[in-house]
Amino acid sequence: MTQLVFKNPYRPGAGHMPLHLAGREDDIAKFKALLNQETILSNPLITGLRGVGKTVLLETLKPIAIREGWLWVGGTELSESVSVSEDNLVIRLLADLSIVTSGITQTVVEESAGFSGSQPKNVVWSYNRLMHLYQETPGLHSDKLKAVLEAVAVAVRHLNKKGIVFAYDEAQNLADNASKDRYPMSLLLDVFQSIQRKGVPFMLALTGLPTIQTRLTEARTYTERMFHVIFLDRLSAKETREAIEVPLQLTQCPFPFSEKSINTVCEISGGYPFFIQFICKEAYDTWVQQHENEGELSAIPVEEILRKLDSDFFQGRWGLVTDRQRDVLKVIAQMGINDGEFTVSEIVAASETYLIKPFASSRVSAILTSLTRLGLIFRTRHGKYCFAVPMFGKFVLRHLEDAPDLIW
């Protein structure tokens, strides 16, 4: 019997657009409200744990902004290389901007030598022109960049556009480095805050892990007033079911999930969009390979899928930490807080149960700082911490089951 050809409707991956975006209607509405500001007073800052769909939401907002009459610049990641210097940040911004402005031709009047007087000339806002204007403007990096953006704003005004959205993902990678006298984060904030005060309709849309809020505040205290935070959380039970079922309906899938399977996905995914996509894709790949006829997918190989999730998603992050950092993570995992908050004092107390050599408070604080830099931990508020990677504690517990050593 010929096996049924079936295209899997689920798309786990880094920023891969799902067939249906569930549970983000309110967040999209907030962004639309920001687009309707007469003067840019607030910029969107999309944050949340890994796997909640920050990149996907940013990509979803792009066509919305374009339909509302805005130009869209960027959408790329702010990699660590951008933080090396202010010059690198400027190159990133102008290179991205030139993709949009290279189609803009403006007539300018330039003084000519001899007796011909002033002559009109058509100028294309290419990368070379943007960089030439930047280099020819006297002053600091911020003075130069503001001059370029203000000049572009004049050119854009003739296109009958509302403005430009500068959108960047993984913004937690951008940071000042006072020891090397480099301040790319401060440059970005100073420039946009300055031109927005002058009425230039350029909006800065950033996404990043929750640590981005601390980075922004450390760079400039006024960022609390400059950004509107859109925190993406896990989906509700209703939204999780929607994320599971709608892709099947859109593709007229011949293998519906049974009610039992839906409940299983809801439970083991924790409502996190990436995990929903991952689990459903693996379940269907397994089902299609094992069955030739249409039917209801009634059982999910939970153990096998979790092991694959550990290998594909968690293991790489686990490999970044030292043995002593792993000890702290093991203690936290066995505290039973899952994705909840924990404190230094709670870890110290628990380490007396699980460790032969318990931790001192100063040591735990130092390790948490290191884990924050690695993107595994973030500080939620004064003295409180959480995992930056959802369900990481459950992964650590599975790791302990493979090598049980309650006291180590």
Protein backbone atom coordinates (compact mmCIF):
# COMPACT_ATOMS: atom_id res chain seq x y z
CA MET A 1 0.00 0.00 0.00
CA THR A 2 1.37 3.44 -0.94
CA GLN A 3 2.28 5.61 1.98
CA LEU A 4 0.27 8.83 2.23
CA VAL A 5 2.29 11.90 1.21
CA PHE A 6 1.98 14.50 3.95
CA LYS A 7 3.69 17.85 4.45
CA ASN A 8 4.30 18.51 8.12
CA PRO A 9 2.54 21.79 9.11
CA TYR A 10 4.77 22.54 12.11
CA ARG A 11 7.90 24.67 11.91
CA PRO A 12 10.20 24.68 14.92
CA GLY A 13 13.36 26.66 14.47
CA ALA A 14 15.07 29.95 15.25
CA GLY A 15 12.56 32.54 14.11
CA HIS A 16 10.73 30.27 11.66
CA MET A 17 7.26 31.63 10.97
CA PRO A 18 4.52 29.20 12.06
CA LEU A 19 1.49 28.68 9.86
CA HIS A 20 -0.59 30.26 12.60
CA LEU A 21 0.56 32.70 15.27
CA ALA A 22 -1.53 32.00 18.35
CA GLY A 23 -2.04 34.19 21.39
CA ARG A 24 -0.30 37.38 20.28
CA GLU A 25 -3.30 39.51 19.27
CA ASP A 26 -2.96 41.88 22.24
CA ASP A 27 0.76 42.35 21.57
CA ILE A 28 0.10 43.19 17.92
CA ALA A 29 -2.57 45.68 18.99
CA LYS A 30 -0.07 47.39 21.30
CA PHE A 31 2.38 47.75 18.43
CA LYS A 32 -0.31 49.22 16.16
CA ALA A 33 -1.09 51.79 18.85
CA LEU A 34 2.59 52.80 18.95
CA LEU A 35 2.54 53.26 15.17
CA ASN A 36 -0.26 55.81 15.56
CA GLN A 37 1.77 58.17 17.76
CA GLU A 38 1.91 61.69 16.31
CA THR A 39 5.29 62.16 17.98
CA ILE A 40 7.38 59.12 18.90
CA LEU A 41 7.30 59.10 22.68
CA SER A 42 7.50 55.34 23.19
CA ASN A 43 9.32 52.57 21.32
CA PRO A 44 8.43 48.85 21.40
CA LEU A 45 10.72 46.57 23.39
CA ILE A 46 9.73 42.92 22.91
CA THR A 47 11.21 40.64 25.52
CA GLY A 48 10.74 37.20 27.02
CA LEU A 49 12.45 33.85 27.48
CA ARG A 50 13.93 31.88 24.62
CA GLY A 51 11.32 30.02 22.63
CA VAL A 52 8.38 32.38 23.28
CA GLY A 53 8.39 33.74 19.73
CA LYS A 54 10.09 37.15 19.93
CA THR A 55 11.68 36.87 16.48
CA VAL A 56 8.47 35.51 14.97
CA LEU A 57 6.47 38.41 16.42
CA LEU A 58 8.99 40.93 15.08
CA GLU A 59 8.64 39.42 11.59
CA THR A 60 4.86 39.52 11.96
CA LEU A 61 4.98 43.23 12.76
CA LYS A 62 6.93 44.11 9.61
CA PRO A 63 4.07 43.80 7.07
CA ILE A 64 1.74 45.49 9.56
CA ALA A 65 4.03 48.52 9.77
CA ILE A 66 4.40 48.64 5.98
CA ARG A 67 0.60 48.51 5.50
CA GLU A 68 0.28 51.37 7.99
CA GLY A 69 2.54 53.53 5.83
CA TRP A 70 5.92 53.02 7.48
CA LEU A 71 9.24 51.95 6.01
CA TRP A 72 10.95 49.01 7.75
CA VAL A 73 14.72 48.89 8.29
CA GLY A 74 16.73 46.03 9.76
CA GLY A 75 15.02 43.01 11.23
CA THR A 76 18.48 41.47 11.62
CA GLU A 77 20.28 40.44 14.78
CA LEU A 78 22.50 42.82 16.71
CA SER A 79 25.44 40.44 16.92
CA GLU A 80 28.29 40.75 19.41
CA SER A 81 30.47 42.22 16.65
CA VAL A 82 28.26 45.32 16.57
CA SER A 83 29.18 45.98 20.21
CA VAL A 84 32.88 46.11 19.41
CA SER A 85 32.74 49.84 18.65
CA GLU A 86 30.54 52.79 17.79
CA ASP A 87 31.86 52.58 14.22
CA ASN A 88 30.54 49.03 13.85
CA LEU A 89 27.11 50.11 15.05
CA VAL A 90 27.06 53.01 12.59
CA ILE A 91 27.99 50.71 9.71
CA ARG A 92 25.21 48.31 10.71
CA LEU A 93 22.60 51.08 10.86
CA LEU A 94 23.62 52.81 7.62
CA ALA A 95 23.97 49.55 5.70
CA ASP A 96 20.46 48.52 6.74
CA LEU A 97 19.06 51.99 6.09
CA SER A 98 20.58 52.15 2.61
CA ILE A 99 18.53 49.12 1.50
CA VAL A 100 15.42 51.25 1.95
CA THR A 101 16.81 54.62 0.88
CA SER A 102 18.69 53.45 -2.24
CA GLY A 103 15.45 53.80 -4.16
CA ILE A 104 15.05 57.45 -3.13
CA THR A 105 16.30 60.08 -5.57
CA GLN A 106 16.41 63.68 -4.39
CA THR A 107 17.16 66.82 -6.37
CA VAL A 108 19.69 69.03 -4.60
CA VAL A 109 21.36 72.25 -5.62
CA GLU A 110 25.14 72.24 -5.52
CA GLU A 111 27.49 75.14 -6.08
CA SER A 112 29.50 74.76 -9.30
CA ALA A 113 32.94 76.18 -10.01
CA GLY A 114 33.35 79.00 -12.58
CA PHE A 115 30.48 81.07 -13.95
CA SER A 116 27.78 78.41 -14.22
CA GLY A 117 26.45 79.13 -10.71
CA SER A 118 24.25 76.70 -8.81
CA GLN A 119 23.26 73.52 -10.61
CA PRO A 120 20.47 71.07 -9.68
CA LYS A 121 21.62 67.50 -9.33
CA ASN A 122 19.81 64.21 -8.74
CA VAL A 123 21.23 62.37 -5.74
CA VAL A 124 20.52 58.74 -4.79
CA TRP A 125 20.51 57.97 -1.08
CA SER A 126 22.84 55.02 -1.44
CA TYR A 127 25.11 53.61 1.25
CA ASN A 128 28.02 55.62 -0.16
CA ARG A 129 26.06 58.85 0.13
CA LEU A 130 24.93 58.06 3.66
CA MET A 131 28.48 57.26 4.71
CA HIS A 132 29.88 60.33 2.91
CA LEU A 133 27.47 62.60 4.77
CA TYR A 134 28.37 60.86 8.03
CA GLN A 135 32.10 61.31 7.49
CA GLU A 136 31.81 64.93 6.35
CA THR A 137 29.75 66.02 9.36
CA PRO A 138 31.92 67.44 12.15
CA GLY A 139 31.56 66.33 15.74
CA LEU A 140 31.13 63.12 17.70
CA HIS A 141 29.66 59.85 16.47
CA SER A 142 26.26 60.93 17.76
CA ASP A 143 26.42 64.30 15.95
CA LYS A 144 27.33 62.60 12.69
CA LEU A 145 24.65 59.91 12.92
CA LYS A 146 21.94 62.38 13.89
CA ALA A 147 22.83 64.54 10.89
CA VAL A 148 22.45 61.57 8.54
CA LEU A 149 19.12 60.45 10.01
CA GLU A 150 17.68 63.96 9.99
CA ALA A 151 18.69 64.40 6.33
CA VAL A 152 17.09 61.06 5.44
CA ALA A 153 13.92 62.10 7.28
CA VAL A 154 13.57 65.08 4.92
CA ALA A 155 13.95 62.80 1.89
CA VAL A 156 11.46 60.26 3.27
CA ARG A 157 8.88 62.98 3.89
CA HIS A 158 8.50 63.43 0.12
CA LEU A 159 7.50 59.74 -0.20
CA ASN A 160 4.35 60.37 1.83
CA LYS A 161 5.48 57.82 4.43
CA LYS A 162 4.74 58.13 8.14
CA GLY A 163 8.32 57.30 9.11
CA ILE A 164 10.82 54.49 9.50
CA VAL A 165 10.86 51.60 11.97
CA PHE A 166 14.41 50.46 12.82
CA ALA A 167 13.93 46.88 14.04
CA TYR A 168 16.62 44.72 15.63
CA ASP A 169 16.58 41.25 17.15
CA GLU A 170 18.79 39.83 19.94
CA ALA A 171 19.40 43.34 21.26
CA GLN A 172 20.75 41.96 24.55
CA ASN A 173 24.00 41.41 22.63
CA LEU A 174 24.53 45.17 22.37
CA ALA A 175 26.34 46.62 25.38
CA ASP A 176 28.70 49.40 26.37
CA ASN A 177 32.26 48.58 27.38
CA ALA A 178 33.54 51.32 29.68
CA SER A 179 36.90 49.59 30.19
CA LYS A 180 37.61 50.01 26.47
CA ASP A 181 35.88 53.41 26.20
CA ARG A 182 33.30 52.06 23.77
CA TYR A 183 29.62 52.94 24.07
CA PRO A 184 27.56 51.60 21.15
CA MET A 185 24.43 51.05 23.26
CA SER A 186 24.56 54.61 24.59
CA LEU A 187 25.11 55.91 21.06
CA LEU A 188 22.02 54.13 19.77
CA LEU A 189 19.84 55.40 22.62
CA ASP A 190 21.18 58.97 22.56
CA VAL A 191 20.68 59.34 18.82
CA PHE A 192 17.11 58.04 18.71
CA GLN A 193 16.07 59.90 21.85
CA SER A 194 17.47 63.12 20.37
CA ILE A 195 15.89 62.88 16.92
CA GLN A 196 12.55 61.79 18.37
CA ARG A 197 12.54 64.89 20.57
CA LYS A 198 12.94 66.92 17.36
CA GLY A 199 9.88 65.23 15.90
CA VAL A 200 11.71 62.90 13.51
CA PRO A 201 9.33 59.92 13.01
CA PHE A 202 11.92 57.18 13.37
CA MET A 203 10.94 54.39 15.76
CA LEU A 204 13.34 51.90 17.41
CA ALA A 205 11.88 48.40 17.81
CA LEU A 206 14.07 45.99 19.78
CA THR A 207 13.68 42.38 20.85
CA GLY A 208 15.81 40.46 23.31
CA LEU A 209 16.04 38.33 26.41
CA PRO A 210 14.86 39.95 29.67
CA THR A 211 18.46 41.00 30.38
CA ILE A 212 18.01 43.69 27.71
CA GLN A 213 16.05 45.84 30.17
CA THR A 214 18.98 45.94 32.58
CA ARG A 215 21.40 46.69 29.72
CA LEU A 216 19.26 49.60 28.56
CA THR A 217 18.87 51.09 32.03
CA GLU A 218 22.58 50.75 32.76
CA ALA A 219 23.36 52.64 29.55
CA ARG A 220 20.78 55.39 29.99
CA THR A 221 18.34 55.74 32.89
CA TYR A 222 15.74 57.47 30.72
CA THR A 223 15.11 54.27 28.76
CA GLU A 224 12.34 53.38 31.24
CA ARG A 225 10.39 56.25 29.65
CA MET A 226 11.66 55.65 26.13
CA PHE A 227 10.36 52.09 25.69
CA HIS A 228 7.04 50.32 26.03
CA VAL A 229 7.84 46.77 27.16
CA ILE A 230 5.90 43.96 25.49
CA PHE A 231 6.66 40.86 27.56
CA LEU A 232 5.88 37.62 25.78
CA ASP A 233 4.85 34.86 28.15
CA ARG A 234 3.86 31.25 27.58
CA LEU A 235 0.52 30.62 25.88
CA SER A 236 -2.61 29.83 27.84
CA ALA A 237 -4.20 26.38 27.56
CA LYS A 238 -6.71 27.74 25.02
CA GLU A 239 -3.99 29.42 22.97
CA THR A 240 -1.85 26.28 23.08
CA ARG A 241 -4.72 24.23 21.66
CA GLU A 242 -5.12 26.85 18.94
CA ALA A 243 -1.41 26.62 18.06
CA ILE A 244 -1.78 22.83 17.79
CA GLU A 245 -5.06 22.58 15.89
CA VAL A 246 -5.17 25.53 13.46
CA PRO A 247 -2.12 24.44 11.37
CA LEU A 248 -3.85 21.09 10.85
CA GLN A 249 -7.03 22.83 9.74
CA LEU A 250 -5.17 25.17 7.38
CA THR A 251 -3.40 22.24 5.65
CA GLN A 252 -6.42 19.90 5.81
CA CYS A 253 -4.23 17.38 7.57
CA PRO A 254 -5.50 13.78 7.39
CA PHE A 255 -4.09 12.99 10.86
CA PRO A 256 -5.93 14.97 13.56
CA PHE A 257 -4.61 14.96 17.09
CA SER A 258 -6.71 12.98 19.55
CA GLU A 259 -7.91 14.78 22.64
CA LYS A 260 -5.42 12.78 24.67
CA SER A 261 -2.55 13.83 22.40
CA ILE A 262 -3.55 17.48 22.58
CA ASN A 263 -3.53 17.32 26.37
CA THR A 264 -0.11 15.66 26.27
CA VAL A 265 1.36 18.42 24.07
CA CYS A 266 -0.17 21.10 26.31
CA GLU A 267 1.41 19.49 29.36
CA ILE A 268 4.94 18.76 28.14
CA SER A 269 5.30 21.96 26.05
CA GLY A 270 4.52 24.21 29.00
CA GLY A 271 2.71 26.52 26.56
CA TYR A 272 5.97 27.71 25.00
CA PRO A 273 5.50 28.24 21.22
CA PHE A 274 8.83 26.72 20.16
CA PHE A 275 8.24 23.57 22.19
CA ILE A 276 4.70 23.25 20.80
CA GLN A 277 6.05 23.37 17.26
CA PHE A 278 8.93 21.01 18.07
CA ILE A 279 6.81 18.37 19.80
CA CYS A 280 4.05 18.43 17.19
CA LYS A 281 6.52 18.19 14.31
CA GLU A 282 8.33 15.24 15.86
CA ALA A 283 5.05 13.51 16.68
CA TYR A 284 3.83 13.82 13.11
CA ASP A 285 7.13 12.81 11.54
CA THR A 286 7.02 9.65 13.64
CA TRP A 287 3.35 8.98 12.85
CA VAL A 288 3.67 9.40 9.08
CA GLN A 289 6.65 7.06 8.92
CA GLN A 290 4.85 4.34 10.86
CA HIS A 291 1.35 4.49 9.37
CA GLU A 292 0.11 4.23 5.81
CA ASN A 293 -3.57 4.97 6.37
CA GLU A 294 -5.37 8.03 7.62
CA GLY A 295 -6.28 7.98 11.27
CA GLU A 296 -6.17 9.80 14.56
CA LEU A 297 -2.83 10.46 16.17
CA SER A 298 -3.61 9.00 19.57
CA ALA A 299 -0.20 8.45 21.17
CA ILE A 300 2.86 10.65 21.36
CA PRO A 301 6.31 9.14 22.05
CA VAL A 302 6.96 11.57 24.89
CA GLU A 303 10.21 10.09 26.17
CA GLU A 304 11.81 9.94 22.73
CA ILE A 305 10.74 13.49 21.83
CA LEU A 306 12.03 14.92 25.10
CA ARG A 307 15.38 13.25 24.56
CA LYS A 308 15.60 14.76 21.08
CA LEU A 309 14.62 18.15 22.51
CA ASP A 310 17.39 17.81 25.08
CA SER A 311 19.90 17.04 22.34
CA ASP A 312 18.76 19.71 19.87
CA PHE A 313 17.85 22.58 22.19
CA PHE A 314 19.23 22.24 25.71
CA GLN A 315 22.49 20.31 25.39
CA GLY A 316 24.36 23.07 23.59
CA ARG A 317 23.64 25.51 26.39
CA TRP A 318 24.54 22.93 29.04
CA GLY A 319 27.90 22.52 27.34
CA LEU A 320 28.73 26.19 27.93
CA VAL A 321 28.84 25.96 31.73
CA THR A 322 31.62 24.87 34.07
CA ASP A 323 31.30 22.04 36.59
CA ARG A 324 30.71 24.42 39.49
CA GLN A 325 28.13 26.37 37.51
CA ARG A 326 26.43 23.06 36.77
CA ASP A 327 26.31 22.36 40.50
CA VAL A 328 24.36 25.59 41.03
CA LEU A 329 21.98 24.71 38.19
CA LYS A 330 21.44 21.24 39.65
CA VAL A 331 20.61 22.73 43.04
CA ILE A 332 18.14 25.17 41.50
CA ALA A 333 16.50 22.40 39.46
CA GLN A 334 15.94 20.26 42.56
CA MET A 335 14.38 23.17 44.45
CA GLY A 336 11.15 22.47 42.53
CA ILE A 337 10.62 26.03 41.29
CA ASN A 338 10.42 25.05 37.58
CA ASP A 339 10.26 28.39 35.72
CA GLY A 340 9.61 30.39 38.90
CA GLU A 341 11.84 32.79 40.79
CA PHE A 342 14.67 31.94 43.18
CA THR A 343 17.10 33.86 45.37
CA VAL A 344 20.72 33.53 46.40
CA SER A 345 19.75 32.64 49.98
CA GLU A 346 17.43 29.88 48.74
CA ILE A 347 20.21 28.36 46.64
CA VAL A 348 22.63 28.51 49.56
CA ALA A 349 20.13 26.77 51.84
CA ALA A 350 19.37 24.06 49.25
CA SER A 351 23.06 23.48 48.59
CA GLU A 352 23.43 22.28 52.19
CA THR A 353 21.08 19.41 51.27
CA TYR A 354 22.47 18.50 47.87
CA LEU A 355 26.18 19.34 48.03
CA ILE A 356 29.02 17.89 50.02
CA LYS A 357 30.58 21.35 49.89
CA PRO A 358 27.71 23.87 50.16
CA PHE A 359 27.96 27.29 48.53
CA ALA A 360 28.61 30.58 50.24
CA SER A 361 26.39 33.51 49.26
CA SER A 362 29.23 35.39 47.56
CA ARG A 363 30.07 32.36 45.42
CA VAL A 364 26.44 31.86 44.33
CA SER A 365 26.14 35.56 43.43
CA ALA A 366 29.27 35.38 41.29
CA ILE A 367 28.08 32.23 39.51
CA LEU A 368 24.63 33.72 38.84
CA THR A 369 26.34 36.73 37.28
CA SER A 370 28.34 34.41 35.01
CA LEU A 371 25.21 32.44 34.07
CA THR A 372 23.46 35.71 33.26
CA ARG A 373 26.23 36.59 30.81
CA LEU A 374 25.73 33.16 29.20
CA GLY A 375 22.03 33.88 28.79
CA LEU A 376 20.89 31.06 31.09
CA ILE A 377 19.76 33.20 34.03
CA PHE A 378 18.31 36.68 34.33
CA ARG A 379 17.44 38.93 37.25
CA THR A 380 13.71 39.61 37.40
CA ARG A 381 13.92 42.22 40.16
CA HIS A 382 16.15 43.04 43.10
CA GLY A 383 17.45 39.77 44.53
CA LYS A 384 15.22 37.57 42.38
CA TYR A 385 16.32 35.40 39.46
CA CYS A 386 14.78 33.10 36.84
CA PHE A 387 15.92 30.74 34.13
CA ALA A 388 16.25 32.62 30.82
CA VAL A 389 15.67 29.34 28.98
CA PRO A 390 12.18 27.91 29.57
CA MET A 391 11.92 24.48 31.16
CA PHE A 392 15.68 24.35 31.63
CA GLY A 393 15.21 23.06 35.17
CA LYS A 394 13.30 20.05 33.87
CA PHE A 395 16.13 19.34 31.45
CA VAL A 396 18.62 19.39 34.33
CA LEU A 397 16.44 16.96 36.29
CA ARG A 398 16.37 14.58 33.33
CA HIS A 399 20.14 14.90 33.17
CA LEU A 400 20.32 13.91 36.84
CA GLU A 401 18.11 10.90 36.19
CA ASP A 402 20.65 9.68 33.66
CA ALA A 403 23.44 10.07 36.22
CA PRO A 404 21.79 10.01 39.66
CA ASP A 405 23.98 11.65 42.28
CA LEU A 406 21.74 13.46 44.74
CA ILE A 407 24.75 14.31 46.86
CA TRP A 408 27.86 15.40 44.96
